Amino acid sequence: MVSEQLRWFDAGVNLTNARLQSRLESVLQRAHEAGVHNLLVIACNLAEAREACKLAEAHPELIITAGVHPHDAKDAPQDLQAQLREIA
C-alpha cells in the first residue's frame, strides 16, 4: 500500500561545506518543511567525515558517509582503513 504522503530522502547533501555551516539550521528547517525526512551527508575526506559525525549526533535526521573521494585519494593516509573504522 502506498502512503498518501510521500516521505522524501535527499541522497546527497554537502552540509560540511563552509557556505552551509552558517545557515545549517535554516537549511534543515527548509528541508523539513518541504517534506524531506532524512538527508545523506556526503563526506569526501576524513575531516569531512568527522564533521559529518558531529552533525549527525546533533541532528538525528542526518545519515552520513565516510570515505575518500577519488579526487582526494592521493592525500589519503596510510592508515585510512583504520581511521574509517574509527569513524564508523
PDB file of N, CA and C in Angstrom:
ATOM      1  N   MET A   1       0.845  -1.174   0.000  1.00  0.00           N
ATOM      2  CA  MET A   1       0.000   0.000   0.000  1.00  0.00           C
ATOM      3  C   MET A   1       0.893   1.240   0.000  1.00  0.00           C
ATOM      4  N   VAL A   2       0.579   2.193  -0.842  1.00  0.00           N
ATOM      5  CA  VAL A   2       1.364   3.419  -0.959  1.00  0.00           C
ATOM      6  C   VAL A   2       0.764   4.482  -0.055  1.00  0.00           C
ATOM      7  N   SER A   3       1.608   5.121   0.706  1.00  0.00           N
ATOM      8  CA  SER A   3       1.158   6.203   1.578  1.00  0.00           C
ATOM      9  C   SER A   3       0.661   7.370   0.744  1.00  0.00           C
ATOM     10  N   GLU A   4      -0.346   8.070   1.265  1.00  0.00           N
ATOM     11  CA  GLU A   4      -0.852   9.242   0.553  1.00  0.00           C
ATOM     12  C   GLU A   4       0.151  10.379   0.560  1.00  0.00           C
ATOM     13  N   GLN A   5       1.004  10.410   1.547  1.00  0.00           N
ATOM     14  CA  GLN A   5       2.014  11.463   1.620  1.00  0.00           C
ATOM     15  C   GLN A   5       3.396  10.841   1.448  1.00  0.00           C
ATOM     16  N   LEU A   6       4.126  11.316   0.455  1.00  0.00           N
ATOM     17  CA  LEU A   6       5.470  10.803   0.210  1.00  0.00           C
ATOM     18  C   LEU A   6       6.431  11.267   1.295  1.00  0.00           C
ATOM     19  N   ARG A   7       7.373  10.426   1.621  1.00  0.00           N
ATOM     20  CA  ARG A   7       8.456  10.786   2.536  1.00  0.00           C
ATOM     21  C   ARG A   7       9.712  10.909   1.683  1.00  0.00           C
ATOM     22  N   TRP A   8      10.255  12.097   1.607  1.00  0.00           N
ATOM     23  CA  TRP A   8      11.413  12.359   0.769  1.00  0.00           C
ATOM     24  C   TRP A   8      12.706  12.113   1.526  1.00  0.00           C
ATOM     25  N   PHE A   9      13.721  11.698   0.770  1.00  0.00           N
ATOM     26  CA  PHE A   9      15.063  11.437   1.285  1.00  0.00           C
ATOM     27  C   PHE A   9      16.030  12.116   0.330  1.00  0.00           C
ATOM     28  N   ASP A  10      16.832  13.047   0.826  1.00  0.00           N
ATOM     29  CA  ASP A  10      17.830  13.711  -0.023  1.00  0.00           C
ATOM     30  C   ASP A  10      19.108  12.884   0.048  1.00  0.00           C
ATOM     31  N   ALA A  11      19.513  12.348  -1.076  1.00  0.00           N
ATOM     32  CA  ALA A  11      20.610  11.381  -1.118  1.00  0.00           C
ATOM     33  C   ALA A  11      21.969  11.980  -1.421  1.00  0.00           C
ATOM     34  N   GLY A  12      22.144  13.248  -1.178  1.00  0.00           N
ATOM     35  CA  GLY A  12      23.480  13.808  -1.421  1.00  0.00           C
ATOM     36  C   GLY A  12      23.601  15.269  -1.058  1.00  0.00           C
ATOM     37  N   VAL A  13      23.744  15.555   0.212  1.00  0.00           N
ATOM     38  CA  VAL A  13      23.933  16.943   0.641  1.00  0.00           C
ATOM     39  C   VAL A  13      25.335  17.119   1.194  1.00  0.00           C
ATOM     40  N   ASN A  14      25.880  18.273   0.955  1.00  0.00           N
ATOM     41  CA  ASN A  14      27.238  18.564   1.397  1.00  0.00           C
ATOM     42  C   ASN A  14      27.177  19.554   2.557  1.00  0.00           C
ATOM     43  N   LEU A  15      26.609  19.122   3.671  1.00  0.00           N
ATOM     44  CA  LEU A  15      26.427  20.014   4.816  1.00  0.00           C
ATOM     45  C   LEU A  15      27.722  20.357   5.530  1.00  0.00           C
ATOM     46  N   THR A  16      28.820  19.707   5.170  1.00  0.00           N
ATOM     47  CA  THR A  16      30.100  20.070   5.777  1.00  0.00           C
ATOM     48  C   THR A  16      30.747  21.245   5.057  1.00  0.00           C
ATOM     49  N   ASN A  17      30.147  21.680   3.955  1.00  0.00           N
ATOM     50  CA  ASN A  17      30.663  22.821   3.200  1.00  0.00           C
ATOM     51  C   ASN A  17      30.534  24.089   4.032  1.00  0.00           C
ATOM     52  N   ALA A  18      31.585  24.891   4.065  1.00  0.00           N
ATOM     53  CA  ALA A  18      31.612  26.110   4.881  1.00  0.00           C
ATOM     54  C   ALA A  18      30.473  27.062   4.531  1.00  0.00           C
ATOM     55  N   ARG A  19      30.060  27.110   3.279  1.00  0.00           N
ATOM     56  CA  ARG A  19      28.975  28.014   2.876  1.00  0.00           C
ATOM     57  C   ARG A  19      27.650  27.644   3.525  1.00  0.00           C
ATOM     58  N   LEU A  20      27.490  26.384   3.884  1.00  0.00           N
ATOM     59  CA  LEU A  20      26.239  25.956   4.505  1.00  0.00           C
ATOM     60  C   LEU A  20      26.300  25.967   6.030  1.00  0.00           C
ATOM     61  N   GLN A  21      27.484  25.947   6.589  1.00  0.00           N
ATOM     62  CA  GLN A  21      27.626  25.885   8.044  1.00  0.00           C
ATOM     63  C   GLN A  21      26.946  27.051   8.752  1.00  0.00           C
ATOM     64  N   SER A  22      27.059  28.236   8.198  1.00  0.00           N
ATOM     65  CA  SER A  22      26.494  29.409   8.861  1.00  0.00           C
ATOM     66  C   SER A  22      24.970  29.428   8.804  1.00  0.00           C
ATOM     67  N   ARG A  23      24.385  28.658   7.909  1.00  0.00           N
ATOM     68  CA  ARG A  23      22.920  28.626   7.806  1.00  0.00           C
ATOM     69  C   ARG A  23      22.363  27.205   7.889  1.00  0.00           C
ATOM     70  N   LEU A  24      23.060  26.356   8.595  1.00  0.00           N
ATOM     71  CA  LEU A  24      22.687  24.951   8.708  1.00  0.00           C
ATOM     72  C   LEU A  24      21.256  24.777   9.207  1.00  0.00           C
ATOM     73  N   GLU A  25      20.897  25.469  10.271  1.00  0.00           N
ATOM     74  CA  GLU A  25      19.560  25.304  10.845  1.00  0.00           C
ATOM     75  C   GLU A  25      18.469  25.678   9.850  1.00  0.00           C
ATOM     76  N   SER A  26      18.676  26.746   9.100  1.00  0.00           N
ATOM     77  CA  SER A  26      17.649  27.140   8.124  1.00  0.00           C
ATOM     78  C   SER A  26      17.579  26.147   6.964  1.00  0.00           C
ATOM     79  N   VAL A  27      18.712  25.587   6.567  1.00  0.00           N
ATOM     80  CA  VAL A  27      18.717  24.568   5.504  1.00  0.00           C
ATOM     81  C   VAL A  27      17.928  23.337   5.963  1.00  0.00           C
ATOM     82  N   LEU A  28      18.178  22.900   7.191  1.00  0.00           N
ATOM     83  CA  LEU A  28      17.463  21.735   7.714  1.00  0.00           C
ATOM     84  C   LEU A  28      15.975  22.030   7.888  1.00  0.00           C
ATOM     85  N   GLN A  29      15.651  23.230   8.332  1.00  0.00           N
ATOM     86  CA  GLN A  29      14.251  23.611   8.504  1.00  0.00           C
ATOM     87  C   GLN A  29      13.522  23.626   7.164  1.00  0.00           C
ATOM     88  N   ARG A  30      14.154  24.198   6.143  1.00  0.00           N
ATOM     89  CA  ARG A  30      13.529  24.236   4.816  1.00  0.00           C
ATOM     90  C   ARG A  30      13.335  22.824   4.262  1.00  0.00           C
ATOM     91  N   ALA A  31      14.304  21.958   4.500  1.00  0.00           N
ATOM     92  CA  ALA A  31      14.164  20.571   4.047  1.00  0.00           C
ATOM     93  C   ALA A  31      12.966  19.916   4.732  1.00  0.00           C
ATOM     94  N   HIS A  32      12.866  20.107   6.030  1.00  0.00           N
ATOM     95  CA  HIS A  32      11.753  19.525   6.783  1.00  0.00           C
ATOM     96  C   HIS A  32      10.410  20.063   6.279  1.00  0.00           C
ATOM     97  N   GLU A  33      10.337  21.368   6.057  1.00  0.00           N
ATOM     98  CA  GLU A  33       9.103  21.982   5.549  1.00  0.00           C
ATOM     99  C   GLU A  33       8.736  21.455   4.165  1.00  0.00           C
ATOM    100  N   ALA A  34       9.732  21.062   3.383  1.00  0.00           N
ATOM    101  CA  ALA A  34       9.489  20.525   2.044  1.00  0.00           C
ATOM    102  C   ALA A  34       9.150  19.035   2.074  1.00  0.00           C
ATOM    103  N   GLY A  35       9.150  18.433   3.267  1.00  0.00           N
ATOM    104  CA  GLY A  35       8.811  17.023   3.382  1.00  0.00           C
ATOM    105  C   GLY A  35       9.993  16.083   3.309  1.00  0.00           C
ATOM    106  N   VAL A  36      11.204  16.615   3.388  1.00  0.00           N
ATOM    107  CA  VAL A  36      12.407  15.780   3.376  1.00  0.00           C
ATOM    108  C   VAL A  36      12.649  15.296   4.804  1.00  0.00           C
ATOM    109  N   HIS A  37      12.551  13.991   5.003  1.00  0.00           N
ATOM    110  CA  HIS A  37      12.645  13.438   6.355  1.00  0.00           C
ATOM    111  C   HIS A  37      14.053  13.020   6.744  1.00  0.00           C
ATOM    112  N   ASN A  38      14.866  12.655   5.782  1.00  0.00           N
ATOM    113  CA  ASN A  38      16.244  12.274   6.056  1.00  0.00           C
ATOM    114  C   ASN A  38      17.139  12.838   4.972  1.00  0.00           C
ATOM    115  N   LEU A  39      18.390  13.111   5.344  1.00  0.00           N
ATOM    116  CA  LEU A  39      19.372  13.635   4.405  1.00  0.00           C
ATOM    117  C   LEU A  39      20.655  12.835   4.551  1.00  0.00           C
ATOM    118  N   LEU A  40      21.258  12.489   3.434  1.00  0.00           N
ATOM    119  CA  LEU A  40      22.535  11.776   3.427  1.00  0.00           C
ATOM    120  C   LEU A  40      23.648  12.799   3.227  1.00  0.00           C
ATOM    121  N   VAL A  41      24.463  12.966   4.251  1.00  0.00           N
ATOM    122  CA  VAL A  41      25.568  13.925   4.203  1.00  0.00           C
ATOM    123  C   VAL A  41      26.770  13.226   3.582  1.00  0.00           C
ATOM    124  N   ILE A  42      27.252  13.784   2.487  1.00  0.00           N
ATOM    125  CA  ILE A  42      28.367  13.209   1.751  1.00  0.00           C
ATOM    126  C   ILE A  42      29.678  13.788   2.274  1.00  0.00           C
ATOM    127  N   ALA A  43      30.581  12.918   2.674  1.00  0.00           N
ATOM    128  CA  ALA A  43      31.907  13.340   3.115  1.00  0.00           C
ATOM    129  C   ALA A  43      32.932  12.841   2.101  1.00  0.00           C
ATOM    130  N   CYS A  44      33.811  13.726   1.663  1.00  0.00           N
ATOM    131  CA  CYS A  44      34.789  13.383   0.625  1.00  0.00           C
ATOM    132  C   CYS A  44      36.170  13.097   1.171  1.00  0.00           C
ATOM    133  N   ASN A  45      36.370  13.312   2.453  1.00  0.00           N
ATOM    134  CA  ASN A  45      37.665  13.031   3.069  1.00  0.00           C
ATOM    135  C   ASN A  45      37.450  12.780   4.562  1.00  0.00           C
ATOM    136  N   LEU A  46      38.498  12.443   5.259  1.00  0.00           N
ATOM    137  CA  LEU A  46      38.378  12.085   6.670  1.00  0.00           C
ATOM    138  C   LEU A  46      37.911  13.256   7.531  1.00  0.00           C
ATOM    139  N   ALA A  47      38.402  14.439   7.249  1.00  0.00           N
ATOM    140  CA  ALA A  47      37.994  15.609   8.043  1.00  0.00           C
ATOM    141  C   ALA A  47      36.502  15.866   7.891  1.00  0.00           C
ATOM    142  N   GLU A  48      36.000  15.784   6.660  1.00  0.00           N
ATOM    143  CA  GLU A  48      34.570  15.974   6.430  1.00  0.00           C
ATOM    144  C   GLU A  48      33.761  14.865   7.089  1.00  0.00           C
ATOM    145  N   ALA A  49      34.260  13.641   7.083  1.00  0.00           N
ATOM    146  CA  ALA A  49      33.546  12.534   7.717  1.00  0.00           C
ATOM    147  C   ALA A  49      33.422  12.765   9.217  1.00  0.00           C
ATOM    148  N   ARG A  50      34.476  13.254   9.825  1.00  0.00           N
ATOM    149  CA  ARG A  50      34.416  13.548  11.269  1.00  0.00           C
ATOM    150  C   ARG A  50      33.432  14.680  11.552  1.00  0.00           C
ATOM    151  N   GLU A  51      33.439  15.703  10.715  1.00  0.00           N
ATOM    152  CA  GLU A  51      32.500  16.806  10.875  1.00  0.00           C
ATOM    153  C   GLU A  51      31.069  16.315  10.657  1.00  0.00           C
ATOM    154  N   ALA A  52      30.863  15.457   9.687  1.00  0.00           N
ATOM    155  CA  ALA A  52      29.536  14.901   9.427  1.00  0.00           C
ATOM    156  C   ALA A  52      29.038  14.102  10.632  1.00  0.00           C
ATOM    157  N   CYS A  53      29.929  13.385  11.291  1.00  0.00           N
ATOM    158  CA  CYS A  53      29.551  12.643  12.504  1.00  0.00           C
ATOM    159  C   CYS A  53      29.021  13.589  13.567  1.00  0.00           C
ATOM    160  N   LYS A  54      29.698  14.706  13.764  1.00  0.00           N
ATOM    161  CA  LYS A  54      29.240  15.693  14.752  1.00  0.00           C
ATOM    162  C   LYS A  54      27.858  16.222  14.385  1.00  0.00           C
ATOM    163  N   LEU A  55      27.653  16.502  13.103  1.00  0.00           N
ATOM    164  CA  LEU A  55      26.352  16.987  12.658  1.00  0.00           C
ATOM    165  C   LEU A  55      25.262  15.944  12.925  1.00  0.00           C
ATOM    166  N   ALA A  56      25.553  14.686  12.613  1.00  0.00           N
ATOM    167  CA  ALA A  56      24.566  13.623  12.784  1.00  0.00           C
ATOM    168  C   ALA A  56      24.244  13.384  14.256  1.00  0.00           C
ATOM    169  N   GLU A  57      25.213  13.594  15.141  1.00  0.00           N
ATOM    170  CA  GLU A  57      24.938  13.457  16.568  1.00  0.00           C
ATOM    171  C   GLU A  57      23.943  14.505  17.035  1.00  0.00           C
ATOM    172  N   ALA A  58      24.008  15.688  16.448  1.00  0.00           N
ATOM    173  CA  ALA A  58      23.115  16.785  16.827  1.00  0.00           C
ATOM    174  C   ALA A  58      21.783  16.755  16.075  1.00  0.00           C
ATOM    175  N   HIS A  59      21.755  16.074  14.932  1.00  0.00           N
ATOM    176  CA  HIS A  59      20.568  16.068  14.073  1.00  0.00           C
ATOM    177  C   HIS A  59      20.293  14.633  13.626  1.00  0.00           C
ATOM    178  N   PRO A  60      19.408  13.934  14.326  1.00  0.00           N
ATOM    179  CA  PRO A  60      19.179  12.512  14.019  1.00  0.00           C
ATOM    180  C   PRO A  60      18.595  12.244  12.638  1.00  0.00           C
ATOM    181  N   GLU A  61      18.104  13.257  11.953  1.00  0.00           N
ATOM    182  CA  GLU A  61      17.590  13.047  10.598  1.00  0.00           C
ATOM    183  C   GLU A  61      18.708  12.906   9.569  1.00  0.00           C
ATOM    184  N   LEU A  62      19.936  13.134   9.997  1.00  0.00           N
ATOM    185  CA  LEU A  62      21.083  13.042   9.088  1.00  0.00           C
ATOM    186  C   LEU A  62      21.690  11.648   9.129  1.00  0.00           C
ATOM    187  N   ILE A  63      22.053  11.162   7.963  1.00  0.00           N
ATOM    188  CA  ILE A  63      22.799   9.912   7.791  1.00  0.00           C
ATOM    189  C   ILE A  63      24.072  10.323   7.062  1.00  0.00           C
ATOM    190  N   ILE A  64      25.193   9.699   7.380  1.00  0.00           N
ATOM    191  CA  ILE A  64      26.455  10.167   6.789  1.00  0.00           C
ATOM    192  C   ILE A  64      27.173   9.072   6.018  1.00  0.00           C
ATOM    193  N   THR A  65      28.065   9.529   5.142  1.00  0.00           N
ATOM    194  CA  THR A  65      29.020   8.632   4.503  1.00  0.00           C
ATOM    195  C   THR A  65      30.400   8.954   5.072  1.00  0.00           C
ATOM    196  N   ALA A  66      31.273   7.992   5.027  1.00  0.00           N
ATOM    197  CA  ALA A  66      32.664   8.205   5.430  1.00  0.00           C
ATOM    198  C   ALA A  66      33.534   7.530   4.388  1.00  0.00           C
ATOM    199  N   GLY A  67      34.388   8.295   3.781  1.00  0.00           N
ATOM    200  CA  GLY A  67      35.253   7.743   2.756  1.00  0.00           C
ATOM    201  C   GLY A  67      36.126   8.819   2.160  1.00  0.00           C
ATOM    202  N   VAL A  68      36.764   8.493   1.064  1.00  0.00           N
ATOM    203  CA  VAL A  68      37.660   9.427   0.393  1.00  0.00           C
ATOM    204  C   VAL A  68      37.264   9.478  -1.077  1.00  0.00           C
ATOM    205  N   HIS A  69      36.961  10.666  -1.538  1.00  0.00           N
ATOM    206  CA  HIS A  69      36.619  10.877  -2.940  1.00  0.00           C
ATOM    207  C   HIS A  69      37.856  10.597  -3.799  1.00  0.00           C
ATOM    208  N   PRO A  70      37.689  10.066  -4.989  1.00  0.00           N
ATOM    209  CA  PRO A  70      38.851   9.798  -5.851  1.00  0.00           C
ATOM    210  C   PRO A  70      39.748  11.019  -6.066  1.00  0.00           C
ATOM    211  N   HIS A  71      39.173  12.210  -6.082  1.00  0.00           N
ATOM    212  CA  HIS A  71      39.999  13.414  -6.237  1.00  0.00           C
ATOM    213  C   HIS A  71      40.914  13.646  -5.045  1.00  0.00           C
ATOM    214  N   ASP A  72      40.536  13.111  -3.873  1.00  0.00           N
ATOM    215  CA  ASP A  72      41.324  13.278  -2.650  1.00  0.00           C
ATOM    216  C   ASP A  72      42.164  12.045  -2.322  1.00  0.00           C
ATOM    217  N   ALA A  73      42.084  11.019  -3.150  1.00  0.00           N
ATOM    218  CA  ALA A  73      42.744   9.748  -2.846  1.00  0.00           C
ATOM    219  C   ALA A  73      44.260   9.879  -2.711  1.00  0.00           C
ATOM    220  N   LYS A  74      44.841  10.773  -3.491  1.00  0.00           N
ATOM    221  CA  LYS A  74      46.308  10.911  -3.423  1.00  0.00           C
ATOM    222  C   LYS A  74      46.773  11.418  -2.052  1.00  0.00           C
ATOM    223  N   ASP A  75      45.867  12.059  -1.310  1.00  0.00           N
ATOM    224  CA  ASP A  75      46.209  12.591   0.005  1.00  0.00           C
ATOM    225  C   ASP A  75      45.765  11.688   1.147  1.00  0.00           C
ATOM    226  N   ALA A  76      45.229  10.525   0.828  1.00  0.00           N
ATOM    227  CA  ALA A  76      44.750   9.610   1.870  1.00  0.00           C
ATOM    228  C   ALA A  76      45.929   9.075   2.681  1.00  0.00           C
ATOM    229  N   PRO A  77      45.763   8.993   4.000  1.00  0.00           N
ATOM    230  CA  PRO A  77      46.858   8.483   4.836  1.00  0.00           C
ATOM    231  C   PRO A  77      46.997   6.968   4.706  1.00  0.00           C
ATOM    232  N   GLN A  78      48.146   6.479   5.110  1.00  0.00           N
ATOM    233  CA  GLN A  78      48.412   5.028   5.056  1.00  0.00           C
ATOM    234  C   GLN A  78      47.426   4.248   5.924  1.00  0.00           C
ATOM    235  N   ASP A  79      46.985   4.862   7.009  1.00  0.00           N
ATOM    236  CA  ASP A  79      46.070   4.169   7.922  1.00  0.00           C
ATOM    237  C   ASP A  79      44.606   4.518   7.647  1.00  0.00           C
ATOM    238  N   LEU A  80      44.287   4.789   6.406  1.00  0.00           N
ATOM    239  CA  LEU A  80      42.926   5.183   6.023  1.00  0.00           C
ATOM    240  C   LEU A  80      41.892   4.186   6.529  1.00  0.00           C
ATOM    241  N   GLN A  81      42.126   2.921   6.299  1.00  0.00           N
ATOM    242  CA  GLN A  81      41.153   1.911   6.690  1.00  0.00           C
ATOM    243  C   GLN A  81      40.917   1.937   8.203  1.00  0.00           C
ATOM    244  N   ALA A  82      41.959   2.075   8.979  1.00  0.00           N
ATOM    245  CA  ALA A  82      41.820   2.130  10.432  1.00  0.00           C
ATOM    246  C   ALA A  82      41.038   3.369  10.860  1.00  0.00           C
ATOM    247  N   GLN A  83      41.310   4.502  10.215  1.00  0.00           N
ATOM    248  CA  GLN A  83      40.596   5.720  10.558  1.00  0.00           C
ATOM    249  C   GLN A  83      39.121   5.632  10.171  1.00  0.00           C
ATOM    250  N   LEU A  84      38.833   5.013   9.036  1.00  0.00           N
ATOM    251  CA  LEU A  84      37.431   4.821   8.657  1.00  0.00           C
ATOM    252  C   LEU A  84      36.698   3.931   9.641  1.00  0.00           C
ATOM    253  N   ARG A  85      37.367   2.897  10.124  1.00  0.00           N
ATOM    254  CA  ARG A  85      36.764   2.034  11.140  1.00  0.00           C
ATOM    255  C   ARG A  85      36.477   2.827  12.410  1.00  0.00           C
ATOM    256  N   GLU A  86      37.409   3.684  12.784  1.00  0.00           N
ATOM    257  CA  GLU A  86      37.225   4.509  13.983  1.00  0.00           C
ATOM    258  C   GLU A  86      36.008   5.430  13.821  1.00  0.00           C
ATOM    259  N   ILE A  87      35.878   6.021  12.672  1.00  0.00           N
ATOM    260  CA  ILE A  87      34.742   6.909  12.398  1.00  0.00           C
ATOM    261  C   ILE A  87      33.431   6.119  12.441  1.00  0.00           C
ATOM    262  N   ALA A  88      33.458   4.926  11.838  1.00  0.00           N
ATOM    263  CA  ALA A  88      32.237   4.093  11.809  1.00  0.00           C
ATOM    264  C   ALA A  88      31.836   3.711  13.204  1.00  0.00           C
TER     265      ALA A  88
END
